[in-house]
């Protein structure tokens, strides 16, 4: 595919095609390398722990999972991080739902 052909396709800008072409000519590859950023606090095995706990105990909430993981591994995670890991594994975080008992008047 030529540069001119790629830019006529929808949602592909000329600058993206030029950058990828330059990268391919210089490295013979267009794969993305490692980029610097914030280091991960936990590894993938530690990310699976809350998901397994949530599957076993269905009524567990995110704050309970965070405290369980801290007790188990010693690494502290925020509730937002746990929710993101749940979404990656197609689980959705639960919020505690307390129903008031119904009484007759």
Foldseek 3Di string as FASTA:
>chain_A
DDLVVVCVDPPDHSVNSVVQVVVCVVPVDSDDDDDDDDDDQDDPVLLCVLVVVCVVPVQDALVNSQVVSCVVPVTGDDSVVNQVSCVVVPHHGDDHDDDDDDDDD
